[in-house]
Structures are given as C-alpha cells and as structure tokens.
Amino acid sequence: MSHPAISRRPLTSKAVQLAPKAGYLLALSVVVLGAALYVPDTRFGLYLLFAGMTLLATTAIIQHLTQRNTRAQIDLHRTISAFVKLDASPSFTTNREGVIGYRNKDAQDRYGIDTTKTLLGTLGDVFAAPSATLYRLQTKAMANGAAREDVVTRHGHLRLSVHQIGHDGFLWRLEDIADRTSQGRGSDGTSLPMMTGQQGWHGAVHERRSAPPVGRTRGEY
C-alpha cells in the first residue's frame, strides 16, 4: 500500500519532529527582522534581513509539511476504518498513546461506544496485565510492523493482533479463538492420539504423544 502517511519522506519526518519548536523559530525570525531595521550598518542589516527571512520561510515550510502529514494521517485512518467497518471481530485504531480514534461496529457492540477513550481502559478487565501486554505488542509492531499474542480471558482465548499504520497509528484486532482445552478430543470427549512440535531454545523439536493408539500397550513402543 502506497500512502503519504505510510511512506513519509525524510523532509516531512524532520518537519514533524521540528513542529513543536516552530513557534520559537517564528519568534526568532521576528526578532531578527526587527533588528535588521534598526542596525546602523547597512550591510549587516541586509545579513540580518536575509537570516530573518530564511527563518520565516523555514517556519512556513515546517507548518505546511506538518499540516499535510496530519491530513494524510487522517485520510489513512479513514481508509483503514472503512476497511474494518464490517469486520466480524472487534477492531480499533489508536495513536501511539493508545487513544482510540475509531472502533468498528463489533467493537461498539461488545465494549460500548463511549466507555473510555483509550484501548487500555476498554480492555482493562478483559484479560490479565493488559498494560504490559498492550505495551509489549505495540513495541513489537513499531519494530516489525505487526505483532500478535494469544491471551486468556474469562470466556476463553483471545488473539490480540496489532499492525502499525503510518508512523503514529495502530490497528488493533481482537479475534476469538477455539478453546484449546477442547483441541485433540473426539466428539465423545475422549482424548485422541496427538503429536505436537515444540521449538526448544537450541532448535530441537520435541515430540509428545497424549495417548497410545487403540489396541496397543505402552510396552509395544
């Protein structure tokens, strides 16, 4: 997906970083331009005039690029919101601080509309240690673009996934998954033979059988 908010140019990134200091640059440019009018040395006055105009132009460029980036971010979030609007799983968009910008219909039905402004407040009583989990997933998403983790809730298991959208936004999706305690059982509840692979610290794969096949004893292995 090619979008200005995703593929932000280096100049725009620098402008966004300098945006909080744009007011200081503007004040400094005014001071320098004012000083250029009162210095007795004409040549030095021209230097000050040039410096003041440069600072003023720099401030204007920073403001322009920052506003354009903000509009691109809003447009991107609207596009993502339209994409997940009818998703059967609860979906949220947030900024880096976790403030919810959008929640789809399923998220509204399950967690309400105006219950809280943050994702942490919304999911605070859904699973254990939500603050640590959300922070861990968001950190991974900022490093890798996406992350996911399965958590245990009072009603079963939940797959929590997050994708970074743009530079300061995130798309969160909560997907109910089958209860793992029922996996590997037949329709009558009897445990069936099952083999699982587990990746060890040194790359070894360990095999485990939950029950011997019917008609054999353990001594036949």
Protein backbone atom coordinates (compact mmCIF):
# COMPACT_ATOMS: atom_id res chain seq x y z
CA MET A 1 0.00 0.00 0.00
CA SER A 2 1.45 3.35 -1.04
CA HIS A 3 0.19 6.24 1.02
CA PRO A 4 1.82 9.55 2.08
CA ALA A 5 1.23 8.70 5.73
CA ILE A 6 2.99 5.34 5.34
CA SER A 7 5.88 6.24 3.03
CA ARG A 8 6.69 9.54 4.72
CA ARG A 9 9.62 11.37 3.15
CA PRO A 10 12.68 12.32 5.23
CA LEU A 11 11.93 16.05 4.87
CA THR A 12 8.40 15.53 6.16
CA SER A 13 9.67 13.41 9.05
CA LYS A 14 12.10 16.16 10.01
CA ALA A 15 9.37 18.78 9.79
CA VAL A 16 7.14 16.74 12.10
CA GLN A 17 10.00 16.50 14.60
CA LEU A 18 10.60 20.26 14.46
CA ALA A 19 6.91 21.20 14.57
CA PRO A 20 6.79 21.65 18.38
CA LYS A 21 9.62 24.23 18.06
CA ALA A 22 8.12 26.12 15.13
CA GLY A 23 6.81 28.81 17.46
CA TYR A 24 10.32 29.55 18.69
CA LEU A 25 11.58 29.79 15.11
CA LEU A 26 8.79 32.21 14.26
CA ALA A 27 9.58 34.41 17.28
CA LEU A 28 13.27 34.36 16.44
CA SER A 29 12.60 35.35 12.85
CA VAL A 30 10.51 38.32 14.01
CA VAL A 31 13.27 39.45 16.36
CA VAL A 32 15.94 39.15 13.66
CA LEU A 33 13.82 41.00 11.10
CA GLY A 34 13.11 43.73 13.62
CA ALA A 35 16.80 44.09 14.40
CA ALA A 36 17.58 44.39 10.69
CA LEU A 37 15.55 47.59 10.54
CA TYR A 38 17.48 49.36 13.29
CA VAL A 39 21.13 48.40 12.86
CA PRO A 40 23.21 51.33 11.56
CA ASP A 41 25.38 49.15 9.34
CA THR A 42 23.51 48.61 6.06
CA ARG A 43 25.48 45.50 5.10
CA PHE A 44 24.93 43.90 8.50
CA GLY A 45 21.28 44.86 8.28
CA LEU A 46 21.00 43.00 4.98
CA TYR A 47 22.55 39.93 6.58
CA LEU A 48 20.00 40.07 9.39
CA LEU A 49 17.20 40.58 6.90
CA PHE A 50 18.31 37.54 4.93
CA ALA A 51 18.62 35.44 8.10
CA GLY A 52 15.19 36.54 9.33
CA MET A 53 13.54 35.76 6.01
CA THR A 54 15.23 32.35 5.99
CA LEU A 55 13.92 31.56 9.47
CA LEU A 56 10.45 32.76 8.48
CA ALA A 57 10.47 30.62 5.33
CA THR A 58 11.68 27.61 7.31
CA THR A 59 8.83 28.05 9.78
CA ALA A 60 6.31 28.23 6.94
CA ILE A 61 7.70 25.06 5.33
CA ILE A 62 7.57 23.19 8.64
CA GLN A 63 3.95 24.19 9.19
CA HIS A 64 2.99 23.26 5.63
CA LEU A 65 4.61 19.82 5.74
CA THR A 66 3.23 19.10 9.21
CA GLN A 67 -0.32 20.01 8.20
CA ARG A 68 -0.03 17.93 5.03
CA ASN A 69 1.19 14.96 7.07
CA THR A 70 -1.69 15.40 9.52
CA ARG A 71 -4.21 15.36 6.67
CA ALA A 72 -2.55 12.24 5.25
CA GLN A 73 -2.76 10.52 8.63
CA ILE A 74 -6.46 11.37 8.92
CA ASP A 75 -7.10 10.09 5.40
CA LEU A 76 -5.23 6.87 6.13
CA HIS A 77 -7.19 6.25 9.32
CA ARG A 78 -10.44 6.83 7.45
CA THR A 79 -9.40 4.32 4.81
CA ILE A 80 -8.49 1.70 7.44
CA SER A 81 -11.71 2.42 9.34
CA ALA A 82 -13.79 1.82 6.21
CA PHE A 83 -11.88 -1.41 5.59
CA VAL A 84 -12.64 -2.89 9.05
CA LYS A 85 -16.09 -1.35 9.41
CA LEU A 86 -17.94 -4.62 8.85
CA ASP A 87 -15.24 -6.93 10.22
CA ALA A 88 -16.75 -9.66 12.40
CA SER A 89 -14.05 -9.12 15.03
CA PRO A 90 -13.65 -6.04 17.24
CA SER A 91 -11.17 -3.62 15.67
CA PHE A 92 -9.75 -0.34 16.93
CA THR A 93 -7.43 2.34 15.60
CA THR A 94 -5.28 4.19 18.11
CA ASN A 95 -2.41 6.62 18.22
CA ARG A 96 0.92 5.95 19.95
CA GLU A 97 -0.54 6.93 23.34
CA GLY A 98 -3.34 4.38 22.97
CA VAL A 99 -6.13 6.90 22.43
CA ILE A 100 -8.88 5.30 20.34
CA GLY A 101 -9.62 7.05 17.07
CA TYR A 102 -12.12 4.54 15.69
CA ARG A 103 -13.87 1.36 16.77
CA ASN A 104 -15.90 -0.78 14.35
CA LYS A 105 -19.46 -1.98 14.91
CA ASP A 106 -18.47 -5.25 16.56
CA ALA A 107 -16.20 -3.38 18.99
CA GLN A 108 -19.04 -0.99 19.80
CA ASP A 109 -21.47 -3.85 20.39
CA ARG A 110 -19.07 -5.73 22.66
CA TYR A 111 -17.26 -2.95 24.52
CA GLY A 112 -19.55 0.05 24.12
CA ILE A 113 -19.09 3.36 22.36
CA ASP A 114 -18.25 5.97 25.00
CA THR A 115 -16.95 3.79 27.81
CA THR A 116 -13.39 5.13 27.56
CA LYS A 117 -11.06 6.98 25.22
CA THR A 118 -8.13 4.59 25.50
CA LEU A 119 -7.63 0.99 24.46
CA LEU A 120 -6.22 0.17 27.89
CA GLY A 121 -9.37 1.45 29.56
CA THR A 122 -11.52 -0.58 27.17
CA LEU A 123 -9.64 -3.85 27.68
CA GLY A 124 -8.67 -3.28 31.30
CA ASP A 125 -10.88 -6.05 32.69
CA VAL A 126 -10.86 -8.39 29.69
CA PHE A 127 -7.58 -10.19 30.41
CA ALA A 128 -4.78 -10.11 32.95
CA ALA A 129 -1.98 -7.50 32.82
CA PRO A 130 -3.45 -5.52 29.87
CA SER A 131 -1.00 -2.63 30.25
CA ALA A 132 2.08 -4.84 29.89
CA THR A 133 0.52 -6.84 27.04
CA LEU A 134 -0.51 -3.81 25.00
CA TYR A 135 2.85 -2.12 25.53
CA ARG A 136 4.73 -5.26 24.51
CA LEU A 137 2.68 -5.73 21.35
CA GLN A 138 2.89 -2.08 20.35
CA THR A 139 6.66 -2.09 20.83
CA LYS A 140 6.97 -5.16 18.61
CA ALA A 141 4.70 -3.59 15.99
CA MET A 142 6.83 -0.45 15.93
CA ALA A 143 9.91 -2.61 15.33
CA ASN A 144 8.44 -5.19 12.93
CA GLY A 145 5.29 -3.61 11.53
CA ALA A 146 2.94 -6.10 13.20
CA ALA A 147 2.63 -8.37 16.23
CA ARG A 148 0.13 -10.72 17.81
CA GLU A 149 -0.35 -12.65 21.03
CA ASP A 150 -2.92 -15.09 22.43
CA VAL A 151 -4.32 -14.19 25.84
CA VAL A 152 -6.64 -15.99 28.24
CA THR A 153 -9.92 -14.33 29.22
CA ARG A 154 -12.79 -15.33 31.47
CA HIS A 155 -14.69 -16.53 28.41
CA GLY A 156 -11.92 -18.39 26.57
CA HIS A 157 -8.93 -17.46 24.46
CA LEU A 158 -8.44 -14.25 22.53
CA ARG A 159 -5.95 -13.47 19.77
CA LEU A 160 -4.84 -9.87 20.02
CA SER A 161 -3.07 -8.54 16.91
CA VAL A 162 -1.77 -5.10 16.02
CA HIS A 163 -0.49 -3.52 12.80
CA GLN A 164 1.29 -0.21 12.60
CA ILE A 165 -0.45 2.22 10.26
CA GLY A 166 1.62 5.20 9.24
CA HIS A 167 4.19 6.38 11.75
CA ASP A 168 1.98 7.15 14.73
CA GLY A 169 -1.08 4.92 14.34
CA PHE A 170 -2.02 1.33 15.07
CA LEU A 171 -4.80 -1.04 14.05
CA TRP A 172 -5.82 -3.49 16.78
CA ARG A 173 -7.94 -6.58 16.17
CA LEU A 174 -9.38 -8.97 18.76
CA GLU A 175 -10.25 -12.41 17.46
CA ASP A 176 -11.94 -15.15 19.48
CA ILE A 177 -10.22 -18.49 19.04
CA ALA A 178 -11.36 -22.00 19.92
CA ASP A 179 -10.85 -23.18 23.48
CA ARG A 180 -7.56 -25.02 23.48
CA THR A 181 -8.72 -27.48 26.12
CA SER A 182 -11.09 -28.98 23.54
CA GLN A 183 -8.41 -29.46 20.89
CA GLY A 184 -7.30 -33.04 20.29
CA ARG A 185 -10.57 -34.55 21.61
CA GLY A 186 -13.13 -36.52 19.66
CA SER A 187 -16.85 -35.88 19.63
CA ASP A 188 -17.33 -38.10 22.71
CA GLY A 189 -14.74 -36.16 24.67
CA THR A 190 -12.17 -38.99 24.57
CA SER A 191 -8.56 -37.96 24.18
CA LEU A 192 -7.20 -38.89 20.75
CA PRO A 193 -3.58 -39.60 19.79
CA MET A 194 -1.85 -36.32 19.12
CA MET A 195 1.67 -35.25 18.24
CA THR A 196 2.87 -31.72 18.86
CA GLY A 197 6.12 -29.97 17.95
CA GLN A 198 7.77 -27.56 20.34
CA GLN A 199 10.73 -25.45 19.35
CA GLY A 200 13.36 -25.55 22.05
CA TRP A 201 15.99 -22.93 22.87
CA HIS A 202 18.58 -24.74 20.72
CA GLY A 203 16.26 -25.54 17.80
CA ALA A 204 15.42 -29.08 18.96
CA VAL A 205 11.94 -30.35 18.23
CA HIS A 206 10.35 -32.39 21.00
CA GLU A 207 7.56 -34.87 20.24
CA ARG A 208 4.82 -35.85 22.65
CA ARG A 209 2.04 -38.42 22.42
CA SER A 210 -1.00 -37.72 24.55
CA ALA A 211 -2.26 -41.35 24.50
CA PRO A 212 -1.27 -44.67 22.90
CA PRO A 213 -3.24 -45.80 19.85
CA VAL A 214 -6.13 -48.14 20.44
CA GLY A 215 -5.13 -51.82 20.58
CA ARG A 216 -1.57 -51.30 21.79
CA THR A 217 0.02 -51.17 25.16
CA ARG A 218 2.85 -48.90 26.18
CA GLY A 219 5.24 -51.80 26.20
CA GLU A 220 4.87 -52.22 22.44
CA TYR A 221 6.66 -48.92 21.67
